[in-house]
Structure formats: C-alpha cells, structure tokens
Amino acid sequence: MEVKKLYFIAVVPPKEIGKKIRKFKEEIKQKFDVKHALKLPAHITLQIPFRIEEKKEDLLIVILQNLVESLQAFQTALKDFDHFSRRVIFIPATNTTGFKNLHSELQKKLLSNFDLQGNEISTKIHPHITIATKDLHHKVFPQVWADFKEKDFYAEFEVNQLVLFKHDGKKWKILKEFGF
C-alpha cells in the first residue's frame, strides 16, 4: 500500500497584500510569541488538508486544470479582523457567494474522483485569512484580540487562481498554481 501524501487547496492573495498580512503575523509573534500562522503564506482555504496516494497527484493536477477552465474570476475584499472562539484571529473575506460557488465546484470534483475521508471533507466555507491560530493560547487571546479588534485593514483583489499545496513531511510548499 502506497503512502498517502497531504495536500490542500487555497486562494492566495497577491504578493503585496500577502506582505501586509505577514506583518500582522510577525507583530503577533513579536508581542505574544504566537507564530504558527507564519508557517504558511496568507491564504483562504478552499479544501482542508486531505490525503491521496502520490501516484494520483497527476490526476489531481489534471482535475484542477480542467476545473479552472470553467471558472470565472471574481472580486473580493479583506476587511478588518474577527475571531473564532478564543483560538483563531482572522481577516474576513467578502463575496462569500463567489467563494461558496468555487468551493462547491471544487468539492464536486474532488469527491467524484478521490476517496476523501469524513474529516477531509468541508461542507461549508467561511472565507478568511488566519493571522493567529493553533498556538494562540486562550489565556493570551484577550491581549491579542484587544490589539487587533480596533485595527483597520482593507484590501481588494481579484480571485483568479487556485493554489495546490503539498506537505513534504516538514512543511507546506506550493506544488502548482492554476489561473482562471
């Protein structure tokens, strides 16, 4: 039995927006020693991490290439800050309809071609870019949130590509970008 590799699929904002978001992550690391979100570039997850046999990687790439041929680019904006419980601080994305449609089409393709497990299937999407997560302890959360809840942030961009990430055993790397 072949070992399965770990992948996920996301929208990555343009580099200049990504740099601004990285500064927020670095600020949180410097002030509060919360750094897990720095492991990845700024991104909006469309498909949570899932495992497939590496020999099926080419099929995954073909499926994603075929999918993007039928997609239309759309506008989104990233505005201010919000949080999930006391464990995640994020920047919400607008145009949830565009993301929901993109997510739905992606899910159809993945579920019809791969045997994803229950914990690899995301039936809903809440488009956002995480700036603090896993190592954001609930005791530190009030301080971090107090620092960010009144901050203003706004950036617009066109969603016109999907990015396939692959875990190499140590870290996530961009495997391929699919423009549409």
N, C-alpha and C. Protein backbone atom coordinates (compact mmCIF):
# COMPACT_ATOMS: atom_id res chain seq x y z
N MET A 1 0.84 -1.18 0.00
CA MET A 1 0.00 0.00 0.00
C MET A 1 0.88 1.25 0.00
N GLU A 2 0.63 2.12 -0.96
CA GLU A 2 1.43 3.34 -1.08
C GLU A 2 1.06 4.34 0.01
N VAL A 3 2.07 5.03 0.49
CA VAL A 3 1.85 6.07 1.49
C VAL A 3 1.12 7.24 0.83
N LYS A 4 0.15 7.75 1.54
CA LYS A 4 -0.59 8.90 1.02
C LYS A 4 0.12 10.19 1.42
N LYS A 5 0.06 11.16 0.52
CA LYS A 5 0.65 12.48 0.76
C LYS A 5 -0.46 13.46 1.12
N LEU A 6 -0.07 14.53 1.78
CA LEU A 6 -1.02 15.51 2.29
C LEU A 6 -1.03 16.75 1.39
N TYR A 7 -2.24 17.20 1.02
CA TYR A 7 -2.44 18.34 0.13
C TYR A 7 -3.52 19.25 0.71
N PHE A 8 -3.55 20.50 0.28
CA PHE A 8 -4.72 21.34 0.48
C PHE A 8 -4.76 22.37 -0.64
N ILE A 9 -5.94 22.97 -0.83
CA ILE A 9 -6.16 23.88 -1.95
C ILE A 9 -6.68 25.21 -1.40
N ALA A 10 -6.11 26.30 -1.91
CA ALA A 10 -6.44 27.62 -1.38
C ALA A 10 -6.39 28.69 -2.45
N VAL A 11 -6.89 29.85 -2.09
CA VAL A 11 -6.71 31.08 -2.85
C VAL A 11 -5.64 31.88 -2.11
N VAL A 12 -4.65 32.34 -2.83
CA VAL A 12 -3.58 33.14 -2.24
C VAL A 12 -3.69 34.56 -2.79
N PRO A 13 -3.75 35.56 -1.91
CA PRO A 13 -3.86 36.94 -2.41
C PRO A 13 -2.56 37.37 -3.09
N PRO A 14 -2.62 38.46 -3.85
CA PRO A 14 -1.40 38.97 -4.49
C PRO A 14 -0.30 39.25 -3.46
N LYS A 15 0.93 39.20 -3.93
CA LYS A 15 2.10 39.31 -3.04
C LYS A 15 2.07 40.55 -2.14
N GLU A 16 1.67 41.71 -2.69
CA GLU A 16 1.70 42.94 -1.88
C GLU A 16 0.71 42.86 -0.71
N ILE A 17 -0.43 42.21 -0.92
CA ILE A 17 -1.39 42.01 0.17
C ILE A 17 -0.83 40.97 1.15
N GLY A 18 -0.26 39.91 0.61
CA GLY A 18 0.35 38.89 1.46
C GLY A 18 1.43 39.45 2.37
N LYS A 19 2.22 40.41 1.86
CA LYS A 19 3.27 41.03 2.68
C LYS A 19 2.67 41.82 3.84
N LYS A 20 1.57 42.54 3.58
CA LYS A 20 0.91 43.31 4.65
C LYS A 20 0.37 42.37 5.72
N ILE A 21 -0.20 41.26 5.30
CA ILE A 21 -0.76 40.30 6.26
C ILE A 21 0.37 39.63 7.05
N ARG A 22 1.46 39.35 6.38
CA ARG A 22 2.60 38.75 7.08
C ARG A 22 3.10 39.68 8.20
N LYS A 23 3.05 40.98 7.97
CA LYS A 23 3.47 41.93 9.02
C LYS A 23 2.59 41.79 10.26
N PHE A 24 1.29 41.57 10.07
CA PHE A 24 0.41 41.34 11.23
C PHE A 24 0.83 40.07 11.98
N LYS A 25 1.11 39.01 11.21
CA LYS A 25 1.53 37.75 11.84
C LYS A 25 2.85 37.93 12.60
N GLU A 26 3.77 38.69 12.01
CA GLU A 26 5.06 38.94 12.66
C GLU A 26 4.89 39.80 13.91
N GLU A 27 3.97 40.75 13.86
CA GLU A 27 3.68 41.58 15.03
C GLU A 27 3.16 40.71 16.18
N ILE A 28 2.28 39.78 15.87
CA ILE A 28 1.74 38.87 16.89
C ILE A 28 2.85 37.98 17.45
N LYS A 29 3.73 37.52 16.58
CA LYS A 29 4.86 36.71 17.06
C LYS A 29 5.75 37.52 18.00
N GLN A 30 6.08 38.74 17.60
CA GLN A 30 6.98 39.58 18.40
C GLN A 30 6.36 39.92 19.75
N LYS A 31 5.09 40.30 19.76
CA LYS A 31 4.46 40.76 21.01
C LYS A 31 4.00 39.62 21.91
N PHE A 32 3.56 38.51 21.30
CA PHE A 32 2.88 37.47 22.09
C PHE A 32 3.46 36.07 21.92
N ASP A 33 4.52 35.93 21.11
CA ASP A 33 5.13 34.63 20.84
C ASP A 33 4.13 33.63 20.27
N VAL A 34 3.25 34.12 19.42
CA VAL A 34 2.27 33.28 18.71
C VAL A 34 2.72 33.28 17.26
N LYS A 35 3.17 32.11 16.76
CA LYS A 35 3.84 32.10 15.46
C LYS A 35 3.37 31.03 14.47
N HIS A 36 2.45 30.18 14.85
CA HIS A 36 2.05 29.08 13.98
C HIS A 36 1.57 29.57 12.61
N ALA A 37 0.82 30.67 12.57
CA ALA A 37 0.28 31.17 11.31
C ALA A 37 1.37 31.62 10.33
N LEU A 38 2.59 31.80 10.81
CA LEU A 38 3.69 32.19 9.93
C LEU A 38 4.19 31.03 9.07
N LYS A 39 3.74 29.82 9.36
CA LYS A 39 4.22 28.65 8.62
C LYS A 39 3.73 28.62 7.18
N LEU A 40 2.67 29.37 6.88
CA LEU A 40 2.11 29.40 5.53
C LEU A 40 1.94 30.83 5.06
N PRO A 41 1.98 31.05 3.75
CA PRO A 41 1.65 32.39 3.26
C PRO A 41 0.17 32.66 3.51
N ALA A 42 -0.20 33.93 3.46
CA ALA A 42 -1.61 34.30 3.60
C ALA A 42 -2.42 33.53 2.55
N HIS A 43 -3.55 32.94 2.98
CA HIS A 43 -4.36 32.16 2.05
C HIS A 43 -5.78 32.01 2.59
N ILE A 44 -6.69 31.72 1.68
CA ILE A 44 -8.08 31.40 2.01
C ILE A 44 -8.26 29.94 1.63
N THR A 45 -8.47 29.08 2.61
CA THR A 45 -8.59 27.65 2.36
C THR A 45 -9.90 27.32 1.66
N LEU A 46 -9.80 26.60 0.55
CA LEU A 46 -10.98 26.10 -0.17
C LEU A 46 -11.19 24.62 0.11
N GLN A 47 -10.10 23.89 0.27
CA GLN A 47 -10.17 22.46 0.59
C GLN A 47 -9.18 22.20 1.71
N ILE A 48 -9.72 21.78 2.86
CA ILE A 48 -8.88 21.48 4.01
C ILE A 48 -7.92 20.33 3.67
N PRO A 49 -6.85 20.18 4.44
CA PRO A 49 -5.88 19.12 4.13
C PRO A 49 -6.52 17.75 3.95
N PHE A 50 -6.05 17.07 2.90
CA PHE A 50 -6.56 15.74 2.55
C PHE A 50 -5.40 14.90 2.05
N ARG A 51 -5.56 13.58 2.15
CA ARG A 51 -4.51 12.66 1.73
C ARG A 51 -4.94 11.87 0.50
N ILE A 52 -4.02 11.78 -0.46
CA ILE A 52 -4.21 10.88 -1.60
C ILE A 52 -2.87 10.21 -1.88
N GLU A 53 -2.93 9.08 -2.58
CA GLU A 53 -1.70 8.40 -2.97
C GLU A 53 -0.94 9.31 -3.93
N GLU A 54 0.37 9.37 -3.74
CA GLU A 54 1.18 10.27 -4.56
C GLU A 54 1.06 9.95 -6.05
N LYS A 55 0.81 8.69 -6.38
CA LYS A 55 0.66 8.33 -7.80
C LYS A 55 -0.58 8.98 -8.41
N LYS A 56 -1.50 9.47 -7.57
CA LYS A 56 -2.71 10.14 -8.08
C LYS A 56 -2.53 11.66 -8.15
N GLU A 57 -1.33 12.13 -7.86
CA GLU A 57 -1.07 13.57 -7.89
C GLU A 57 -1.30 14.15 -9.29
N ASP A 58 -0.84 13.43 -10.33
CA ASP A 58 -1.04 13.92 -11.70
C ASP A 58 -2.53 14.03 -12.03
N LEU A 59 -3.32 13.07 -11.56
CA LEU A 59 -4.77 13.12 -11.77
C LEU A 59 -5.35 14.35 -11.07
N LEU A 60 -4.92 14.62 -9.86
CA LEU A 60 -5.38 15.80 -9.12
C LEU A 60 -5.07 17.07 -9.90
N ILE A 61 -3.89 17.16 -10.44
CA ILE A 61 -3.49 18.34 -11.22
C ILE A 61 -4.36 18.49 -12.46
N VAL A 62 -4.62 17.40 -13.16
CA VAL A 62 -5.48 17.44 -14.35
C VAL A 62 -6.90 17.88 -13.97
N ILE A 63 -7.41 17.34 -12.89
CA ILE A 63 -8.76 17.70 -12.43
C ILE A 63 -8.84 19.19 -12.11
N LEU A 64 -7.84 19.70 -11.42
CA LEU A 64 -7.84 21.13 -11.08
C LEU A 64 -7.68 21.99 -12.33
N GLN A 65 -6.84 21.54 -13.26
CA GLN A 65 -6.67 22.28 -14.51
C GLN A 65 -7.98 22.34 -15.29
N ASN A 66 -8.68 21.21 -15.36
CA ASN A 66 -9.98 21.18 -16.04
C ASN A 66 -11.00 22.05 -15.32
N LEU A 67 -10.98 22.03 -14.01
CA LEU A 67 -11.93 22.83 -13.23
C LEU A 67 -11.75 24.32 -13.51
N VAL A 68 -10.52 24.81 -13.48
CA VAL A 68 -10.31 26.25 -13.64
C VAL A 68 -10.69 26.74 -15.03
N GLU A 69 -10.72 25.84 -16.02
CA GLU A 69 -11.13 26.24 -17.37
C GLU A 69 -12.58 26.69 -17.41
N SER A 70 -13.39 26.24 -16.45
CA SER A 70 -14.81 26.60 -16.42
C SER A 70 -15.12 27.70 -15.40
N LEU A 71 -14.11 28.21 -14.71
CA LEU A 71 -14.34 29.19 -13.65
C LEU A 71 -14.23 30.62 -14.16
N GLN A 72 -14.94 31.51 -13.48
CA GLN A 72 -14.86 32.94 -13.75
C GLN A 72 -14.21 33.64 -12.56
N ALA A 73 -13.30 34.54 -12.85
CA ALA A 73 -12.67 35.32 -11.79
C ALA A 73 -13.74 36.19 -11.11
N PHE A 74 -13.51 36.52 -9.85
CA PHE A 74 -14.42 37.41 -9.14
C PHE A 74 -13.63 38.27 -8.15
N GLN A 75 -14.23 39.36 -7.74
CA GLN A 75 -13.60 40.29 -6.81
C GLN A 75 -13.91 39.91 -5.37
N THR A 76 -12.96 40.15 -4.51
CA THR A 76 -13.18 40.02 -3.07
C THR A 76 -12.44 41.14 -2.37
N ALA A 77 -12.78 41.32 -1.12
CA ALA A 77 -12.07 42.28 -0.28
C ALA A 77 -11.81 41.62 1.06
N LEU A 78 -10.72 42.01 1.67
CA LEU A 78 -10.37 41.58 3.02
C LEU A 78 -10.59 42.80 3.91
N LYS A 79 -11.39 42.63 4.96
CA LYS A 79 -11.76 43.80 5.75
C LYS A 79 -11.68 43.54 7.25
N ASP A 80 -10.81 44.29 7.91
CA ASP A 80 -10.68 44.32 9.36
C ASP A 80 -10.37 42.94 9.95
N PHE A 81 -10.77 42.69 11.19
CA PHE A 81 -10.38 41.47 11.90
C PHE A 81 -11.57 40.89 12.64
N ASP A 82 -11.55 39.58 12.84
CA ASP A 82 -12.59 38.88 13.58
C ASP A 82 -11.93 37.67 14.24
N HIS A 83 -12.74 36.86 14.93
CA HIS A 83 -12.16 35.68 15.58
C HIS A 83 -13.19 34.56 15.66
N PHE A 84 -12.68 33.33 15.74
CA PHE A 84 -13.46 32.13 16.05
C PHE A 84 -13.11 31.78 17.49
N SER A 85 -14.08 31.68 18.33
CA SER A 85 -13.86 31.38 19.75
C SER A 85 -12.67 32.19 20.27
N ARG A 86 -11.84 31.56 21.05
CA ARG A 86 -10.65 32.24 21.60
C ARG A 86 -9.37 31.59 21.06
N ARG A 87 -9.45 30.99 19.88
CA ARG A 87 -8.30 30.25 19.36
C ARG A 87 -7.82 30.72 17.99
N VAL A 88 -8.62 31.52 17.28
CA VAL A 88 -8.24 31.93 15.93
C VAL A 88 -8.62 33.40 15.72
N ILE A 89 -7.66 34.19 15.23
CA ILE A 89 -7.93 35.56 14.80
C ILE A 89 -7.68 35.61 13.30
N PHE A 90 -8.59 36.27 12.58
CA PHE A 90 -8.53 36.23 11.13
C PHE A 90 -9.02 37.53 10.51
N ILE A 91 -8.77 37.65 9.21
CA ILE A 91 -9.28 38.74 8.39
C ILE A 91 -10.37 38.14 7.50
N PRO A 92 -11.63 38.58 7.65
CA PRO A 92 -12.70 38.01 6.82
C PRO A 92 -12.62 38.50 5.37
N ALA A 93 -13.06 37.65 4.46
CA ALA A 93 -13.14 37.99 3.04
C ALA A 93 -14.59 38.24 2.68
N THR A 94 -14.80 39.20 1.79
CA THR A 94 -16.14 39.48 1.29
C THR A 94 -16.43 38.60 0.07
N ASN A 95 -17.59 38.77 -0.50
CA ASN A 95 -18.07 37.99 -1.64
C ASN A 95 -18.10 36.51 -1.27
N THR A 96 -18.82 36.21 -0.21
CA THR A 96 -18.91 34.82 0.21
C THR A 96 -19.60 33.97 -0.85
N THR A 97 -20.48 34.57 -1.66
CA THR A 97 -21.14 33.81 -2.73
C THR A 97 -20.11 33.29 -3.73
N GLY A 98 -19.17 34.13 -4.13
CA GLY A 98 -18.12 33.71 -5.05
C GLY A 98 -17.32 32.55 -4.49
N PHE A 99 -16.95 32.65 -3.22
CA PHE A 99 -16.18 31.58 -2.58
C PHE A 99 -17.02 30.31 -2.41
N LYS A 100 -18.29 30.48 -2.05
CA LYS A 100 -19.16 29.30 -1.88
C LYS A 100 -19.32 28.56 -3.19
N ASN A 101 -19.50 29.29 -4.29
CA ASN A 101 -19.62 28.64 -5.60
C ASN A 101 -18.32 27.93 -5.98
N LEU A 102 -17.21 28.58 -5.77
CA LEU A 102 -15.90 27.99 -6.07
C LEU A 102 -15.68 26.74 -5.22
N HIS A 103 -15.97 26.83 -3.94
CA HIS A 103 -15.84 25.70 -3.01
C HIS A 103 -16.72 24.54 -3.44
N SER A 104 -17.96 24.83 -3.82
CA SER A 104 -18.91 23.79 -4.23
C SER A 104 -18.42 23.04 -5.46
N GLU A 105 -17.95 23.78 -6.46
CA GLU A 105 -17.44 23.14 -7.68
C GLU A 105 -16.21 22.29 -7.38
N LEU A 106 -15.34 22.80 -6.54
CA LEU A 106 -14.14 22.06 -6.16
C LEU A 106 -14.50 20.78 -5.42
N GLN A 107 -15.43 20.87 -4.48
CA GLN A 107 -15.85 19.69 -3.72
C GLN A 107 -16.43 18.61 -4.63
N LYS A 108 -17.26 19.01 -5.60
CA LYS A 108 -17.85 18.04 -6.53
C LYS A 108 -16.75 17.26 -7.25
N LYS A 109 -15.75 17.99 -7.75
CA LYS A 109 -14.65 17.35 -8.49
C LYS A 109 -13.85 16.41 -7.60
N LEU A 110 -13.51 16.87 -6.41
CA LEU A 110 -12.69 16.05 -5.51
C LEU A 110 -13.44 14.81 -5.04
N LEU A 111 -14.70 14.99 -4.65
CA LEU A 111 -15.47 13.85 -4.12
C LEU A 111 -15.79 12.82 -5.19
N SER A 112 -15.91 13.26 -6.44
CA SER A 112 -16.21 12.29 -7.50
C SER A 112 -14.96 11.58 -8.02
N ASN A 113 -13.78 12.06 -7.63
CA ASN A 113 -12.54 11.45 -8.14
C ASN A 113 -11.63 10.84 -7.08
N PHE A 114 -11.86 11.18 -5.81
CA PHE A 114 -10.99 10.69 -4.74
C PHE A 114 -11.82 10.21 -3.57
N ASP A 115 -11.25 9.27 -2.84
CA ASP A 115 -11.92 8.70 -1.67
C ASP A 115 -11.52 9.49 -0.43
N LEU A 116 -12.09 10.69 -0.30
CA LEU A 116 -11.76 11.52 0.85
C LEU A 116 -12.48 11.00 2.08
N GLN A 117 -11.81 11.10 3.22
CA GLN A 117 -12.38 10.67 4.49
C GLN A 117 -13.24 11.79 5.07
N GLY A 118 -14.09 11.45 6.01
CA GLY A 118 -15.02 12.42 6.60
C GLY A 118 -14.36 13.68 7.12
N ASN A 119 -13.20 13.53 7.76
CA ASN A 119 -12.51 14.70 8.31
C ASN A 119 -11.74 15.48 7.25
N GLU A 120 -11.80 15.03 6.00
CA GLU A 120 -11.14 15.73 4.89
C GLU A 120 -12.16 16.47 4.02
N ILE A 121 -13.42 16.36 4.36
CA ILE A 121 -14.49 16.95 3.56
C ILE A 121 -15.01 18.18 4.29
N SER A 122 -14.98 19.31 3.60
CA SER A 122 -15.52 20.53 4.20
C SER A 122 -16.80 20.89 3.46
N THR A 123 -17.91 20.80 4.15
CA THR A 123 -19.20 21.07 3.50
C THR A 123 -19.54 22.55 3.49
N LYS A 124 -18.90 23.32 4.35
CA LYS A 124 -19.15 24.76 4.41
C LYS A 124 -17.83 25.51 4.30
N ILE A 125 -17.94 26.75 3.86
CA ILE A 125 -16.74 27.58 3.79
C ILE A 125 -17.04 28.92 4.46
N HIS A 126 -16.08 29.41 5.21
CA HIS A 126 -16.14 30.73 5.83
C HIS A 126 -14.85 31.43 5.39
N PRO A 127 -14.89 32.12 4.24
CA PRO A 127 -13.65 32.65 3.66
C PRO A 127 -12.95 33.67 4.58
N HIS A 128 -11.70 33.38 4.87
CA HIS A 128 -10.92 34.24 5.76
C HIS A 128 -9.43 33.91 5.62
N ILE A 129 -8.62 34.83 6.12
CA ILE A 129 -7.18 34.60 6.20
C ILE A 129 -6.79 34.64 7.67
N THR A 130 -6.25 33.54 8.14
CA THR A 130 -5.86 33.41 9.55
C THR A 130 -4.57 34.17 9.83
N ILE A 131 -4.57 34.91 10.95
CA ILE A 131 -3.33 35.59 11.36
C ILE A 131 -2.79 35.06 12.69
N ALA A 132 -3.62 34.34 13.44
CA ALA A 132 -3.16 33.69 14.68
C ALA A 132 -4.03 32.46 14.89
N THR A 133 -3.39 31.33 15.19
CA THR A 133 -4.15 30.08 15.33
C THR A 133 -3.50 29.16 16.35
N LYS A 134 -3.39 27.91 16.05
CA LYS A 134 -3.06 26.80 16.95
C LYS A 134 -2.30 27.13 18.23
N ASP A 135 -1.28 27.97 18.16
CA ASP A 135 -0.53 28.28 19.38
C ASP A 135 -1.03 29.55 20.07
N LEU A 136 -2.20 30.04 19.66
CA LEU A 136 -2.84 31.17 20.34
C LEU A 136 -3.58 30.63 21.56
N HIS A 137 -2.92 30.68 22.69
CA HIS A 137 -3.48 30.13 23.92
C HIS A 137 -4.64 31.00 24.40
N HIS A 138 -5.66 30.37 24.96
CA HIS A 138 -6.85 31.12 25.40
C HIS A 138 -6.52 32.17 26.46
N LYS A 139 -5.43 32.00 27.17
CA LYS A 139 -5.04 32.99 28.18
C LYS A 139 -4.42 34.24 27.54
N VAL A 140 -3.81 34.08 26.37
CA VAL A 140 -3.19 35.20 25.67
C VAL A 140 -4.19 35.87 24.73
N PHE A 141 -5.21 35.13 24.34
CA PHE A 141 -6.18 35.65 23.37
C PHE A 141 -6.69 37.05 23.71
N PRO A 142 -7.14 37.33 24.93
CA PRO A 142 -7.69 38.67 25.21
C PRO A 142 -6.72 39.81 24.87
N GLN A 143 -5.43 39.59 25.13
CA GLN A 143 -4.44 40.61 24.82
C GLN A 143 -4.27 40.79 23.31
N VAL A 144 -4.19 39.68 22.59
CA VAL A 144 -4.02 39.75 21.14
C VAL A 144 -5.26 40.38 20.52
N TRP A 145 -6.43 39.94 20.95
CA TRP A 145 -7.68 40.47 20.38
C TRP A 145 -7.82 41.96 20.70
N ALA A 146 -7.45 42.38 21.89
CA ALA A 146 -7.51 43.81 22.25
C ALA A 146 -6.63 44.63 21.31
N ASP A 147 -5.53 44.04 20.88
CA ASP A 147 -4.60 44.70 19.97
C ASP A 147 -5.16 44.82 18.55
N PHE A 148 -6.01 43.87 18.15
CA PHE A 148 -6.46 43.82 16.75
C PHE A 148 -7.91 44.22 16.52
N LYS A 149 -8.75 44.17 17.53
CA LYS A 149 -10.19 44.38 17.28
C LYS A 149 -10.52 45.77 16.76
N GLU A 150 -9.71 46.75 17.07
CA GLU A 150 -9.96 48.12 16.61
C GLU A 150 -9.12 48.51 15.39
N LYS A 151 -8.24 47.62 14.96
CA LYS A 151 -7.40 47.94 13.80
C LYS A 151 -8.23 47.92 12.53
N ASP A 152 -7.85 48.79 11.61
CA ASP A 152 -8.49 48.82 10.30
C ASP A 152 -7.58 48.12 9.30
N PHE A 153 -8.20 47.35 8.45
CA PHE A 153 -7.47 46.75 7.33
C PHE A 153 -8.44 46.61 6.18
N TYR A 154 -7.98 46.96 4.98
CA TYR A 154 -8.82 46.78 3.80
C TYR A 154 -7.92 46.55 2.61
N ALA A 155 -8.24 45.52 1.84
CA ALA A 155 -7.52 45.23 0.61
C ALA A 155 -8.46 44.50 -0.33
N GLU A 156 -8.44 44.87 -1.59
CA GLU A 156 -9.26 44.21 -2.61
C GLU A 156 -8.35 43.45 -3.56
N PHE A 157 -8.87 42.36 -4.09
CA PHE A 157 -8.14 41.66 -5.15
C PHE A 157 -9.09 40.79 -5.95
N GLU A 158 -8.61 40.40 -7.12
CA GLU A 158 -9.39 39.51 -7.98
C GLU A 158 -8.98 38.08 -7.67
N VAL A 159 -9.98 37.26 -7.40
CA VAL A 159 -9.74 35.82 -7.21
C VAL A 159 -9.69 35.21 -8.61
N ASN A 160 -8.50 34.81 -9.03
CA ASN A 160 -8.32 34.32 -10.39
C ASN A 160 -7.36 33.14 -10.48
N GLN A 161 -7.13 32.49 -9.34
CA GLN A 161 -6.30 31.28 -9.35
C GLN A 161 -6.55 30.43 -8.11
N LEU A 162 -6.31 29.14 -8.28
CA LEU A 162 -6.29 28.19 -7.17
C LEU A 162 -4.83 27.81 -6.96
N VAL A 163 -4.48 27.52 -5.72
CA VAL A 163 -3.11 27.10 -5.42
C VAL A 163 -3.18 25.75 -4.71
N LEU A 164 -2.44 24.78 -5.25
CA LEU A 164 -2.34 23.45 -4.66
C LEU A 164 -1.08 23.39 -3.81
N PHE A 165 -1.26 23.13 -2.52
CA PHE A 165 -0.14 22.97 -1.60
C PHE A 165 0.07 21.48 -1.33
N LYS A 166 1.35 21.12 -1.11
CA LYS A 166 1.70 19.74 -0.75
C LYS A 166 2.64 19.79 0.45
N HIS A 167 2.40 18.89 1.39
CA HIS A 167 3.27 18.82 2.57
C HIS A 167 4.42 17.87 2.27
N ASP A 168 5.64 18.32 2.50
CA ASP A 168 6.81 17.49 2.18
C ASP A 168 7.31 16.66 3.37
N GLY A 169 6.51 16.61 4.43
CA GLY A 169 6.91 15.90 5.63
C GLY A 169 7.40 16.83 6.72
N LYS A 170 7.80 18.04 6.31
CA LYS A 170 8.25 19.05 7.27
C LYS A 170 7.45 20.34 7.16
N LYS A 171 7.14 20.73 5.92
CA LYS A 171 6.40 21.98 5.74
C LYS A 171 5.58 21.94 4.45
N TRP A 172 4.66 22.91 4.37
CA TRP A 172 3.83 23.05 3.18
C TRP A 172 4.60 23.80 2.10
N LYS A 173 4.45 23.33 0.86
CA LYS A 173 5.06 24.01 -0.29
C LYS A 173 4.01 24.13 -1.39
N ILE A 174 4.11 25.21 -2.16
CA ILE A 174 3.22 25.36 -3.30
C ILE A 174 3.66 24.35 -4.36
N LEU A 175 2.73 23.48 -4.74
CA LEU A 175 3.01 22.49 -5.78
C LEU A 175 2.69 23.06 -7.16
N LYS A 176 1.52 23.72 -7.27
CA LYS A 176 1.12 24.25 -8.58
C LYS A 176 0.06 25.33 -8.39
N GLU A 177 0.10 26.32 -9.30
CA GLU A 177 -0.91 27.38 -9.33
C GLU A 177 -1.73 27.20 -10.60
N PHE A 178 -3.04 27.44 -10.47
CA PHE A 178 -3.97 27.24 -11.59
C PHE A 178 -4.73 28.54 -11.82
N GLY A 179 -4.35 29.28 -12.85
CA GLY A 179 -5.01 30.55 -13.15
C GLY A 179 -6.33 30.34 -13.88
N PHE A 180 -7.26 31.26 -13.65
CA PHE A 180 -8.53 31.25 -14.40
C PHE A 180 -9.01 32.67 -14.64
